Amino acid sequence: MFAAFLKANTERGPTIPKEGDLYKIIQCHGRTFEIRYGFYDELDRLHEYAEPIEIYPDFIKEPQHTDDGTPFTTAIQAPCAHFIGRKDENSTCEDCIFYRRCEELLGICTCPENKKA
């Protein structure tokens, strides 16, 4: 009986997430972030083979800070003017000495210039 159950569940293949499905809830420096599946680009949504991916907060458009004013960032964000690290056309916040990773792609920027007063 177990073999039949296992066969039925493996033949279906992996479950493909739908847009809006919850990927993960991340707790970071006193804040809670719901990471959901979706599309970053409208054109991706229209492509017949496109699948939703994890969508992280856009801290450029909607900045958020810890209680002490430290800004949240994502590892894939473009570096700011205070970036210190290996600088090339592919550099991201994750490459900066001020970036501190929380979980997954979420982190904070410890640069004193970016701290909210």
PDB file of N, CA and C in Angstrom:
ATOM      1  N   MET A   1       0.823  -1.194   0.000  1.00  0.00           N
ATOM      2  CA  MET A   1       0.000   0.000   0.000  1.00  0.00           C
ATOM      3  C   MET A   1       0.870   1.262   0.000  1.00  0.00           C
ATOM      4  N   PHE A   2       1.920   1.270   0.847  1.00  0.00           N
ATOM      5  CA  PHE A   2       2.807   2.436   0.890  1.00  0.00           C
ATOM      6  C   PHE A   2       3.490   2.644  -0.455  1.00  0.00           C
ATOM      7  N   ALA A   3       3.857   1.545  -1.118  1.00  0.00           N
ATOM      8  CA  ALA A   3       4.518   1.650  -2.423  1.00  0.00           C
ATOM      9  C   ALA A   3       3.601   2.329  -3.440  1.00  0.00           C
ATOM     10  N   ALA A   4       2.314   2.011  -3.405  1.00  0.00           N
ATOM     11  CA  ALA A   4       1.359   2.646  -4.325  1.00  0.00           C
ATOM     12  C   ALA A   4       1.231   4.132  -4.022  1.00  0.00           C
ATOM     13  N   PHE A   5       1.192   4.483  -2.730  1.00  0.00           N
ATOM     14  CA  PHE A   5       1.110   5.893  -2.326  1.00  0.00           C
ATOM     15  C   PHE A   5       2.353   6.651  -2.787  1.00  0.00           C
ATOM     16  N   LEU A   6       3.521   6.064  -2.554  1.00  0.00           N
ATOM     17  CA  LEU A   6       4.780   6.692  -2.937  1.00  0.00           C
ATOM     18  C   LEU A   6       4.849   6.877  -4.452  1.00  0.00           C
ATOM     19  N   LYS A   7       4.444   5.857  -5.201  1.00  0.00           N
ATOM     20  CA  LYS A   7       4.465   5.940  -6.663  1.00  0.00           C
ATOM     21  C   LYS A   7       3.527   7.047  -7.148  1.00  0.00           C
ATOM     22  N   ALA A   8       2.346   7.134  -6.596  1.00  0.00           N
ATOM     23  CA  ALA A   8       1.373   8.152  -7.012  1.00  0.00           C
ATOM     24  C   ALA A   8       1.896   9.554  -6.738  1.00  0.00           C
ATOM     25  N   ASN A   9       2.581   9.738  -5.623  1.00  0.00           N
ATOM     26  CA  ASN A   9       3.080  11.061  -5.267  1.00  0.00           C
ATOM     27  C   ASN A   9       4.364  11.439  -5.993  1.00  0.00           C
ATOM     28  N   THR A  10       5.138  10.474  -6.444  1.00  0.00           N
ATOM     29  CA  THR A  10       6.363  10.814  -7.165  1.00  0.00           C
ATOM     30  C   THR A  10       6.110  10.990  -8.650  1.00  0.00           C
ATOM     31  N   GLU A  11       5.079  10.364  -9.179  1.00  0.00           N
ATOM     32  CA  GLU A  11       4.765  10.515 -10.599  1.00  0.00           C
ATOM     33  C   GLU A  11       4.254  11.910 -10.927  1.00  0.00           C
ATOM     34  N   ARG A  12       3.623  12.553  -9.971  1.00  0.00           N
ATOM     35  CA  ARG A  12       3.099  13.898 -10.202  1.00  0.00           C
ATOM     36  C   ARG A  12       4.205  14.918 -10.383  1.00  0.00           C
ATOM     37  N   GLY A  13       5.353  14.656  -9.820  1.00  0.00           N
ATOM     38  CA  GLY A  13       6.460  15.610  -9.886  1.00  0.00           C
ATOM     39  C   GLY A  13       6.314  16.672  -8.806  1.00  0.00           C
ATOM     40  N   PRO A  14       7.254  17.610  -8.779  1.00  0.00           N
ATOM     41  CA  PRO A  14       7.216  18.644  -7.744  1.00  0.00           C
ATOM     42  C   PRO A  14       6.035  19.597  -7.959  1.00  0.00           C
ATOM     43  N   THR A  15       5.519  20.106  -6.859  1.00  0.00           N
ATOM     44  CA  THR A  15       4.423  21.065  -6.925  1.00  0.00           C
ATOM     45  C   THR A  15       4.960  22.413  -7.375  1.00  0.00           C
ATOM     46  N   ILE A  16       4.309  23.011  -8.354  1.00  0.00           N
ATOM     47  CA  ILE A  16       4.712  24.327  -8.848  1.00  0.00           C
ATOM     48  C   ILE A  16       3.930  25.376  -8.071  1.00  0.00           C
ATOM     49  N   PRO A  17       4.626  26.308  -7.423  1.00  0.00           N
ATOM     50  CA  PRO A  17       3.908  27.329  -6.650  1.00  0.00           C
ATOM     51  C   PRO A  17       3.097  28.244  -7.562  1.00  0.00           C
ATOM     52  N   LYS A  18       2.046  28.792  -6.989  1.00  0.00           N
ATOM     53  CA  LYS A  18       1.212  29.746  -7.715  1.00  0.00           C
ATOM     54  C   LYS A  18       1.526  31.154  -7.229  1.00  0.00           C
ATOM     55  N   GLU A  19       1.268  32.121  -8.074  1.00  0.00           N
ATOM     56  CA  GLU A  19       1.473  33.519  -7.698  1.00  0.00           C
ATOM     57  C   GLU A  19       0.658  33.826  -6.444  1.00  0.00           C
ATOM     58  N   GLY A  20       1.321  34.420  -5.458  1.00  0.00           N
ATOM     59  CA  GLY A  20       0.666  34.759  -4.200  1.00  0.00           C
ATOM     60  C   GLY A  20       0.851  33.729  -3.107  1.00  0.00           C
ATOM     61  N   ASP A  21       1.277  32.500  -3.456  1.00  0.00           N
ATOM     62  CA  ASP A  21       1.527  31.475  -2.438  1.00  0.00           C
ATOM     63  C   ASP A  21       2.645  31.937  -1.509  1.00  0.00           C
ATOM     64  N   LEU A  22       2.543  31.558  -0.255  1.00  0.00           N
ATOM     65  CA  LEU A  22       3.566  31.906   0.730  1.00  0.00           C
ATOM     66  C   LEU A  22       4.792  31.027   0.538  1.00  0.00           C
ATOM     67  N   TYR A  23       5.955  31.660   0.408  1.00  0.00           N
ATOM     68  CA  TYR A  23       7.222  30.939   0.323  1.00  0.00           C
ATOM     69  C   TYR A  23       7.789  30.748   1.725  1.00  0.00           C
ATOM     70  N   LYS A  24       7.855  31.844   2.476  1.00  0.00           N
ATOM     71  CA  LYS A  24       8.500  31.785   3.781  1.00  0.00           C
ATOM     72  C   LYS A  24       8.175  33.041   4.576  1.00  0.00           C
ATOM     73  N   ILE A  25       8.143  32.899   5.897  1.00  0.00           N
ATOM     74  CA  ILE A  25       8.039  34.051   6.793  1.00  0.00           C
ATOM     75  C   ILE A  25       9.396  34.205   7.461  1.00  0.00           C
ATOM     76  N   ILE A  26       9.964  35.402   7.354  1.00  0.00           N
ATOM     77  CA  ILE A  26      11.292  35.656   7.903  1.00  0.00           C
ATOM     78  C   ILE A  26      11.196  36.705   9.006  1.00  0.00           C
ATOM     79  N   GLN A  27      11.761  36.377  10.159  1.00  0.00           N
ATOM     80  CA  GLN A  27      11.873  37.311  11.280  1.00  0.00           C
ATOM     81  C   GLN A  27      13.285  37.880  11.246  1.00  0.00           C
ATOM     82  N   CYS A  28      13.392  39.194  11.259  1.00  0.00           N
ATOM     83  CA  CYS A  28      14.704  39.827  11.148  1.00  0.00           C
ATOM     84  C   CYS A  28      14.697  41.147  11.905  1.00  0.00           C
ATOM     85  N   HIS A  29      15.513  41.256  12.925  1.00  0.00           N
ATOM     86  CA  HIS A  29      15.672  42.490  13.695  1.00  0.00           C
ATOM     87  C   HIS A  29      14.336  43.105  14.109  1.00  0.00           C
ATOM     88  N   GLY A  30      13.459  42.284  14.668  1.00  0.00           N
ATOM     89  CA  GLY A  30      12.191  42.775  15.189  1.00  0.00           C
ATOM     90  C   GLY A  30      11.099  42.980  14.152  1.00  0.00           C
ATOM     91  N   ARG A  31      11.334  42.635  12.916  1.00  0.00           N
ATOM     92  CA  ARG A  31      10.331  42.785  11.858  1.00  0.00           C
ATOM     93  C   ARG A  31      10.003  41.406  11.273  1.00  0.00           C
ATOM     94  N   THR A  32       8.805  41.304  10.750  1.00  0.00           N
ATOM     95  CA  THR A  32       8.368  40.073  10.101  1.00  0.00           C
ATOM     96  C   THR A  32       8.105  40.367   8.633  1.00  0.00           C
ATOM     97  N   PHE A  33       8.675  39.555   7.764  1.00  0.00           N
ATOM     98  CA  PHE A  33       8.512  39.719   6.325  1.00  0.00           C
ATOM     99  C   PHE A  33       7.918  38.444   5.743  1.00  0.00           C
ATOM    100  N   GLU A  34       6.810  38.588   5.018  1.00  0.00           N
ATOM    101  CA  GLU A  34       6.225  37.468   4.285  1.00  0.00           C
ATOM    102  C   GLU A  34       6.793  37.491   2.873  1.00  0.00           C
ATOM    103  N   ILE A  35       7.434  36.417   2.500  1.00  0.00           N
ATOM    104  CA  ILE A  35       7.981  36.298   1.154  1.00  0.00           C
ATOM    105  C   ILE A  35       7.014  35.413   0.368  1.00  0.00           C
ATOM    106  N   ARG A  36       6.465  35.961  -0.688  1.00  0.00           N
ATOM    107  CA  ARG A  36       5.476  35.240  -1.494  1.00  0.00           C
ATOM    108  C   ARG A  36       6.003  35.029  -2.911  1.00  0.00           C
ATOM    109  N   TYR A  37       5.391  34.085  -3.588  1.00  0.00           N
ATOM    110  CA  TYR A  37       5.747  33.824  -4.980  1.00  0.00           C
ATOM    111  C   TYR A  37       5.064  34.841  -5.886  1.00  0.00           C
ATOM    112  N   GLY A  38       5.766  35.230  -6.934  1.00  0.00           N
ATOM    113  CA  GLY A  38       5.197  36.167  -7.887  1.00  0.00           C
ATOM    114  C   GLY A  38       6.162  36.405  -9.032  1.00  0.00           C
ATOM    115  N   PHE A  39       5.990  37.538  -9.687  1.00  0.00           N
ATOM    116  CA  PHE A  39       6.814  37.910 -10.835  1.00  0.00           C
ATOM    117  C   PHE A  39       7.340  39.322 -10.626  1.00  0.00           C
ATOM    118  N   TYR A  40       8.611  39.545 -10.911  1.00  0.00           N
ATOM    119  CA  TYR A  40       9.183  40.888 -10.824  1.00  0.00           C
ATOM    120  C   TYR A  40       8.817  41.714 -12.048  1.00  0.00           C
ATOM    121  N   ASP A  41       8.611  41.043 -13.164  1.00  0.00           N
ATOM    122  CA  ASP A  41       8.379  41.735 -14.426  1.00  0.00           C
ATOM    123  C   ASP A  41       7.068  41.248 -15.030  1.00  0.00           C
ATOM    124  N   GLU A  42       6.259  42.161 -15.501  1.00  0.00           N
ATOM    125  CA  GLU A  42       4.969  41.806 -16.106  1.00  0.00           C
ATOM    126  C   GLU A  42       5.153  40.882 -17.309  1.00  0.00           C
ATOM    127  N   LEU A  43       6.227  41.065 -18.054  1.00  0.00           N
ATOM    128  CA  LEU A  43       6.476  40.205 -19.215  1.00  0.00           C
ATOM    129  C   LEU A  43       6.702  38.756 -18.802  1.00  0.00           C
ATOM    130  N   ASP A  44       7.319  38.546 -17.635  1.00  0.00           N
ATOM    131  CA  ASP A  44       7.526  37.182 -17.146  1.00  0.00           C
ATOM    132  C   ASP A  44       6.193  36.483 -16.909  1.00  0.00           C
ATOM    133  N   ARG A  45       5.238  37.214 -16.405  1.00  0.00           N
ATOM    134  CA  ARG A  45       3.921  36.655 -16.109  1.00  0.00           C
ATOM    135  C   ARG A  45       3.248  36.145 -17.394  1.00  0.00           C
ATOM    136  N   LEU A  46       3.510  36.809 -18.502  1.00  0.00           N
ATOM    137  CA  LEU A  46       2.859  36.472 -19.766  1.00  0.00           C
ATOM    138  C   LEU A  46       3.533  35.322 -20.512  1.00  0.00           C
ATOM    139  N   HIS A  47       4.766  35.010 -20.143  1.00  0.00           N
ATOM    140  CA  HIS A  47       5.506  33.938 -20.816  1.00  0.00           C
ATOM    141  C   HIS A  47       4.920  32.593 -20.402  1.00  0.00           C
ATOM    142  N   GLU A  48       4.625  31.730 -21.370  1.00  0.00           N
ATOM    143  CA  GLU A  48       3.923  30.482 -21.061  1.00  0.00           C
ATOM    144  C   GLU A  48       4.715  29.523 -20.176  1.00  0.00           C
ATOM    145  N   TYR A  49       6.035  29.604 -20.176  1.00  0.00           N
ATOM    146  CA  TYR A  49       6.837  28.690 -19.368  1.00  0.00           C
ATOM    147  C   TYR A  49       7.323  29.316 -18.062  1.00  0.00           C
ATOM    148  N   ALA A  50       6.971  30.560 -17.827  1.00  0.00           N
ATOM    149  CA  ALA A  50       7.437  31.238 -16.616  1.00  0.00           C
ATOM    150  C   ALA A  50       6.708  30.698 -15.391  1.00  0.00           C
ATOM    151  N   GLU A  51       7.474  30.500 -14.330  1.00  0.00           N
ATOM    152  CA  GLU A  51       6.900  30.087 -13.050  1.00  0.00           C
ATOM    153  C   GLU A  51       7.165  31.189 -12.041  1.00  0.00           C
ATOM    154  N   PRO A  52       6.260  31.367 -11.082  1.00  0.00           N
ATOM    155  CA  PRO A  52       6.491  32.389 -10.055  1.00  0.00           C
ATOM    156  C   PRO A  52       7.761  32.085  -9.259  1.00  0.00           C
ATOM    157  N   ILE A  53       8.421  33.144  -8.819  1.00  0.00           N
ATOM    158  CA  ILE A  53       9.621  33.019  -7.988  1.00  0.00           C
ATOM    159  C   ILE A  53       9.391  33.775  -6.683  1.00  0.00           C
ATOM    160  N   GLU A  54      10.305  33.619  -5.743  1.00  0.00           N
ATOM    161  CA  GLU A  54      10.194  34.316  -4.467  1.00  0.00           C
ATOM    162  C   GLU A  54      10.371  35.815  -4.696  1.00  0.00           C
ATOM    163  N   ILE A  55       9.453  36.615  -4.172  1.00  0.00           N
ATOM    164  CA  ILE A  55       9.522  38.066  -4.323  1.00  0.00           C
ATOM    165  C   ILE A  55       9.884  38.676  -2.967  1.00  0.00           C
ATOM    166  N   TYR A  56      11.025  39.341  -2.935  1.00  0.00           N
ATOM    167  CA  TYR A  56      11.500  39.987  -1.713  1.00  0.00           C
ATOM    168  C   TYR A  56      11.064  41.447  -1.703  1.00  0.00           C
ATOM    169  N   PRO A  57      10.958  42.045  -0.519  1.00  0.00           N
ATOM    170  CA  PRO A  57      10.533  43.451  -0.442  1.00  0.00           C
ATOM    171  C   PRO A  57      11.451  44.362  -1.254  1.00  0.00           C
ATOM    172  N   ASP A  58      10.877  45.406  -1.808  1.00  0.00           N
ATOM    173  CA  ASP A  58      11.644  46.414  -2.541  1.00  0.00           C
ATOM    174  C   ASP A  58      11.907  47.560  -1.574  1.00  0.00           C
ATOM    175  N   PHE A  59      13.055  47.516  -0.918  1.00  0.00           N
ATOM    176  CA  PHE A  59      13.386  48.521   0.097  1.00  0.00           C
ATOM    177  C   PHE A  59      13.825  49.844  -0.515  1.00  0.00           C
ATOM    178  N   ILE A  60      14.009  49.891  -1.825  1.00  0.00           N
ATOM    179  CA  ILE A  60      14.283  51.164  -2.498  1.00  0.00           C
ATOM    180  C   ILE A  60      12.966  51.947  -2.588  1.00  0.00           C
ATOM    181  N   LYS A  61      11.916  51.280  -3.051  1.00  0.00           N
ATOM    182  CA  LYS A  61      10.606  51.935  -3.190  1.00  0.00           C
ATOM    183  C   LYS A  61       9.931  52.166  -1.842  1.00  0.00           C
ATOM    184  N   GLU A  62      10.043  51.199  -0.945  1.00  0.00           N
ATOM    185  CA  GLU A  62       9.399  51.281   0.365  1.00  0.00           C
ATOM    186  C   GLU A  62      10.421  50.961   1.456  1.00  0.00           C
ATOM    187  N   PRO A  63      11.230  51.952   1.847  1.00  0.00           N
ATOM    188  CA  PRO A  63      12.257  51.711   2.864  1.00  0.00           C
ATOM    189  C   PRO A  63      11.653  51.269   4.202  1.00  0.00           C
ATOM    190  N   GLN A  64      12.353  50.364   4.855  1.00  0.00           N
ATOM    191  CA  GLN A  64      11.980  49.937   6.203  1.00  0.00           C
ATOM    192  C   GLN A  64      13.247  49.922   7.036  1.00  0.00           C
ATOM    193  N   HIS A  65      13.087  50.181   8.328  1.00  0.00           N
ATOM    194  CA  HIS A  65      14.235  50.290   9.225  1.00  0.00           C
ATOM    195  C   HIS A  65      13.999  49.488  10.499  1.00  0.00           C
ATOM    196  N   THR A  66      15.085  49.115  11.140  1.00  0.00           N
ATOM    197  CA  THR A  66      15.003  48.492  12.454  1.00  0.00           C
ATOM    198  C   THR A  66      14.601  49.575  13.451  1.00  0.00           C
ATOM    199  N   ASP A  67      14.350  49.181  14.686  1.00  0.00           N
ATOM    200  CA  ASP A  67      13.962  50.159  15.711  1.00  0.00           C
ATOM    201  C   ASP A  67      15.022  51.228  15.935  1.00  0.00           C
ATOM    202  N   ASP A  68      16.293  50.888  15.694  1.00  0.00           N
ATOM    203  CA  ASP A  68      17.355  51.887  15.899  1.00  0.00           C
ATOM    204  C   ASP A  68      17.693  52.676  14.626  1.00  0.00           C
ATOM    205  N   GLY A  69      16.892  52.486  13.553  1.00  0.00           N
ATOM    206  CA  GLY A  69      17.083  53.279  12.341  1.00  0.00           C
ATOM    207  C   GLY A  69      17.956  52.658  11.272  1.00  0.00           C
ATOM    208  N   THR A  70      18.403  51.432  11.481  1.00  0.00           N
ATOM    209  CA  THR A  70      19.233  50.749  10.491  1.00  0.00           C
ATOM    210  C   THR A  70      18.352  50.275   9.336  1.00  0.00           C
ATOM    211  N   PRO A  71      18.721  50.599   8.093  1.00  0.00           N
ATOM    212  CA  PRO A  71      17.865  50.221   6.965  1.00  0.00           C
ATOM    213  C   PRO A  71      17.982  48.740   6.587  1.00  0.00           C
ATOM    214  N   PHE A  72      16.841  48.175   6.221  1.00  0.00           N
ATOM    215  CA  PHE A  72      16.831  46.831   5.654  1.00  0.00           C
ATOM    216  C   PHE A  72      17.239  46.932   4.195  1.00  0.00           C
ATOM    217  N   THR A  73      17.820  45.873   3.697  1.00  0.00           N
ATOM    218  CA  THR A  73      18.219  45.792   2.295  1.00  0.00           C
ATOM    219  C   THR A  73      18.134  44.332   1.862  1.00  0.00           C
ATOM    220  N   THR A  74      18.255  44.115   0.584  1.00  0.00           N
ATOM    221  CA  THR A  74      18.358  42.741   0.095  1.00  0.00           C
ATOM    222  C   THR A  74      19.746  42.551  -0.504  1.00  0.00           C
ATOM    223  N   ALA A  75      20.187  41.321  -0.518  1.00  0.00           N
ATOM    224  CA  ALA A  75      21.520  41.011  -1.037  1.00  0.00           C
ATOM    225  C   ALA A  75      21.657  41.381  -2.508  1.00  0.00           C
ATOM    226  N   ILE A  76      20.547  41.398  -3.238  1.00  0.00           N
ATOM    227  CA  ILE A  76      20.607  41.634  -4.683  1.00  0.00           C
ATOM    228  C   ILE A  76      20.373  43.088  -5.078  1.00  0.00           C
ATOM    229  N   GLN A  77      20.163  43.954  -4.099  1.00  0.00           N
ATOM    230  CA  GLN A  77      19.975  45.374  -4.392  1.00  0.00           C
ATOM    231  C   GLN A  77      21.238  45.984  -4.977  1.00  0.00           C
ATOM    232  N   ALA A  78      21.062  46.981  -5.831  1.00  0.00           N
ATOM    233  CA  ALA A  78      22.214  47.717  -6.360  1.00  0.00           C
ATOM    234  C   ALA A  78      22.875  48.481  -5.213  1.00  0.00           C
ATOM    235  N   PRO A  79      24.199  48.572  -5.205  1.00  0.00           N
ATOM    236  CA  PRO A  79      24.890  49.259  -4.110  1.00  0.00           C
ATOM    237  C   PRO A  79      24.605  50.761  -4.092  1.00  0.00           C
ATOM    238  N   CYS A  80      24.681  51.337  -2.894  1.00  0.00           N
ATOM    239  CA  CYS A  80      24.449  52.775  -2.730  1.00  0.00           C
ATOM    240  C   CYS A  80      25.765  53.549  -2.916  1.00  0.00           C
ATOM    241  N   ALA A  81      25.698  54.844  -2.735  1.00  0.00           N
ATOM    242  CA  ALA A  81      26.867  55.719  -2.914  1.00  0.00           C
ATOM    243  C   ALA A  81      27.957  55.459  -1.873  1.00  0.00           C
ATOM    244  N   HIS A  82      27.623  54.807  -0.770  1.00  0.00           N
ATOM    245  CA  HIS A  82      28.589  54.566   0.313  1.00  0.00           C
ATOM    246  C   HIS A  82      29.203  53.164   0.255  1.00  0.00           C
ATOM    247  N   PHE A  83      28.983  52.462  -0.829  1.00  0.00           N
ATOM    248  CA  PHE A  83      29.467  51.098  -1.028  1.00  0.00           C
ATOM    249  C   PHE A  83      30.980  51.017  -0.863  1.00  0.00           C
ATOM    250  N   ILE A  84      31.427  50.037  -0.086  1.00  0.00           N
ATOM    251  CA  ILE A  84      32.857  49.735   0.038  1.00  0.00           C
ATOM    252  C   ILE A  84      33.007  48.235  -0.189  1.00  0.00           C
ATOM    253  N   GLY A  85      33.719  47.882  -1.232  1.00  0.00           N
ATOM    254  CA  GLY A  85      33.917  46.476  -1.564  1.00  0.00           C
ATOM    255  C   GLY A  85      34.363  46.350  -3.000  1.00  0.00           C
ATOM    256  N   ARG A  86      34.317  45.131  -3.502  1.00  0.00           N
ATOM    257  CA  ARG A  86      34.680  44.864  -4.891  1.00  0.00           C
ATOM    258  C   ARG A  86      33.629  45.514  -5.786  1.00  0.00           C
ATOM    259  N   LYS A  87      34.019  46.519  -6.523  1.00  0.00           N
ATOM    260  CA  LYS A  87      33.071  47.280  -7.343  1.00  0.00           C
ATOM    261  C   LYS A  87      33.242  46.905  -8.807  1.00  0.00           C
ATOM    262  N   ASP A  88      32.196  46.376  -9.394  1.00  0.00           N
ATOM    263  CA  ASP A  88      32.134  46.156 -10.833  1.00  0.00           C
ATOM    264  C   ASP A  88      30.669  46.238 -11.244  1.00  0.00           C
ATOM    265  N   GLU A  89      30.393  45.981 -12.509  1.00  0.00           N
ATOM    266  CA  GLU A  89      29.021  46.142 -12.993  1.00  0.00           C
ATOM    267  C   GLU A  89      28.043  45.151 -12.365  1.00  0.00           C
ATOM    268  N   ASN A  90      28.549  44.106 -11.722  1.00  0.00           N
ATOM    269  CA  ASN A  90      27.690  43.099 -11.095  1.00  0.00           C
ATOM    270  C   ASN A  90      27.624  43.225  -9.577  1.00  0.00           C
ATOM    271  N   SER A  91      28.216  44.254  -9.004  1.00  0.00           N
ATOM    272  CA  SER A  91      28.220  44.415  -7.550  1.00  0.00           C
ATOM    273  C   SER A  91      26.805  44.614  -7.016  1.00  0.00           C
ATOM    274  N   THR A  92      26.565  44.051  -5.842  1.00  0.00           N
ATOM    275  CA  THR A  92      25.289  44.220  -5.144  1.00  0.00           C
ATOM    276  C   THR A  92      25.578  44.575  -3.695  1.00  0.00           C
ATOM    277  N   CYS A  93      24.541  44.868  -2.939  1.00  0.00           N
ATOM    278  CA  CYS A  93      24.716  45.190  -1.521  1.00  0.00           C
ATOM    279  C   CYS A  93      25.475  44.092  -0.779  1.00  0.00           C
ATOM    280  N   GLU A  94      25.256  42.854  -1.185  1.00  0.00           N
ATOM    281  CA  GLU A  94      25.905  41.728  -0.521  1.00  0.00           C
ATOM    282  C   GLU A  94      27.431  41.815  -0.593  1.00  0.00           C
ATOM    283  N   ASP A  95      27.964  42.519  -1.576  1.00  0.00           N
ATOM    284  CA  ASP A  95      29.409  42.656  -1.747  1.00  0.00           C
ATOM    285  C   ASP A  95      30.009  43.763  -0.880  1.00  0.00           C
ATOM    286  N   CYS A  96      29.173  44.498  -0.173  1.00  0.00           N
ATOM    287  CA  CYS A  96      29.628  45.638   0.627  1.00  0.00           C
ATOM    288  C   CYS A  96      30.012  45.201   2.046  1.00  0.00           C
ATOM    289  N   ILE A  97      31.009  45.863   2.616  1.00  0.00           N
ATOM    290  CA  ILE A  97      31.435  45.529   3.979  1.00  0.00           C
ATOM    291  C   ILE A  97      30.370  45.884   5.017  1.00  0.00           C
ATOM    292  N   PHE A  98      29.423  46.740   4.671  1.00  0.00           N
ATOM    293  CA  PHE A  98      28.379  47.152   5.609  1.00  0.00           C
ATOM    294  C   PHE A  98      27.167  46.222   5.623  1.00  0.00           C
ATOM    295  N   TYR A  99      27.077  45.316   4.667  1.00  0.00           N
ATOM    296  CA  TYR A  99      25.923  44.419   4.571  1.00  0.00           C
ATOM    297  C   TYR A  99      26.019  43.315   5.617  1.00  0.00           C
ATOM    298  N   ARG A 100      24.925  43.102   6.347  1.00  0.00           N
ATOM    299  CA  ARG A 100      24.834  42.011   7.326  1.00  0.00           C
ATOM    300  C   ARG A 100      23.613  41.177   6.970  1.00  0.00           C
ATOM    301  N   ARG A 101      23.858  39.936   6.644  1.00  0.00           N
ATOM    302  CA  ARG A 101      22.788  39.027   6.223  1.00  0.00           C
ATOM    303  C   ARG A 101      21.947  38.596   7.414  1.00  0.00           C
ATOM    304  N   CYS A 102      20.629  38.571   7.220  1.00  0.00           N
ATOM    305  CA  CYS A 102      19.705  38.042   8.231  1.00  0.00           C
ATOM    306  C   CYS A 102      19.364  36.591   7.871  1.00  0.00           C
ATOM    307  N   GLU A 103      18.574  36.454   6.825  1.00  0.00           N
ATOM    308  CA  GLU A 103      18.162  35.132   6.364  1.00  0.00           C
ATOM    309  C   GLU A 103      17.788  35.233   4.893  1.00  0.00           C
ATOM    310  N   GLU A 104      18.087  34.170   4.158  1.00  0.00           N
ATOM    311  CA  GLU A 104      17.828  34.173   2.717  1.00  0.00           C
ATOM    312  C   GLU A 104      18.515  35.391   2.096  1.00  0.00           C
ATOM    313  N   LEU A 105      17.773  36.242   1.384  1.00  0.00           N
ATOM    314  CA  LEU A 105      18.360  37.429   0.748  1.00  0.00           C
ATOM    315  C   LEU A 105      18.155  38.700   1.558  1.00  0.00           C
ATOM    316  N   LEU A 106      17.520  38.605   2.722  1.00  0.00           N
ATOM    317  CA  LEU A 106      17.279  39.795   3.545  1.00  0.00           C
ATOM    318  C   LEU A 106      18.471  40.104   4.431  1.00  0.00           C
ATOM    319  N   GLY A 107      18.712  41.395   4.615  1.00  0.00           N
ATOM    320  CA  GLY A 107      19.790  41.834   5.481  1.00  0.00           C
ATOM    321  C   GLY A 107      19.587  43.273   5.900  1.00  0.00           C
ATOM    322  N   ILE A 108      20.599  43.815   6.550  1.00  0.00           N
ATOM    323  CA  ILE A 108      20.586  45.218   6.954  1.00  0.00           C
ATOM    324  C   ILE A 108      21.873  45.881   6.483  1.00  0.00           C
ATOM    325  N   CYS A 109      21.810  47.199   6.356  1.00  0.00           N
ATOM    326  CA  CYS A 109      22.978  47.991   5.984  1.00  0.00           C
ATOM    327  C   CYS A 109      23.464  48.712   7.239  1.00  0.00           C
ATOM    328  N   THR A 110      24.677  48.404   7.667  1.00  0.00           N
ATOM    329  CA  THR A 110      25.206  49.000   8.896  1.00  0.00           C
ATOM    330  C   THR A 110      26.014  50.271   8.648  1.00  0.00           C
ATOM    331  N   CYS A 111      25.965  50.795   7.430  1.00  0.00           N
ATOM    332  CA  CYS A 111      26.685  52.032   7.114  1.00  0.00           C
ATOM    333  C   CYS A 111      26.098  53.187   7.927  1.00  0.00           C
ATOM    334  N   PRO A 112      26.922  53.912   8.680  1.00  0.00           N
ATOM    335  CA  PRO A 112      26.409  55.024   9.490  1.00  0.00           C
ATOM    336  C   PRO A 112      25.748  56.116   8.646  1.00  0.00           C
ATOM    337  N   GLU A 113      26.182  56.267   7.396  1.00  0.00           N
ATOM    338  CA  GLU A 113      25.607  57.290   6.512  1.00  0.00           C
ATOM    339  C   GLU A 113      24.159  56.983   6.128  1.00  0.00           C
ATOM    340  N   ASN A 114      23.789  55.715   6.154  1.00  0.00           N
ATOM    341  CA  ASN A 114      22.435  55.319   5.752  1.00  0.00           C
ATOM    342  C   ASN A 114      21.477  55.166   6.923  1.00  0.00           C
ATOM    343  N   LYS A 115      21.977  55.287   8.131  1.00  0.00           N
ATOM    344  CA  LYS A 115      21.130  55.117   9.309  1.00  0.00           C
ATOM    345  C   LYS A 115      20.165  56.292   9.443  1.00  0.00           C
ATOM    346  N   LYS A 116      18.910  55.960   9.714  1.00  0.00           N
ATOM    347  CA  LYS A 116      17.867  56.967   9.879  1.00  0.00           C
ATOM    348  C   LYS A 116      17.997  57.600  11.261  1.00  0.00           C
ATOM    349  N   ALA A 117      17.974  58.929  11.292  1.00  0.00           N
ATOM    350  CA  ALA A 117      18.136  59.641  12.575  1.00  0.00           C
ATOM    351  C   ALA A 117      16.912  59.527  13.447  1.00  0.00           C
TER     352      ALA A 117
END
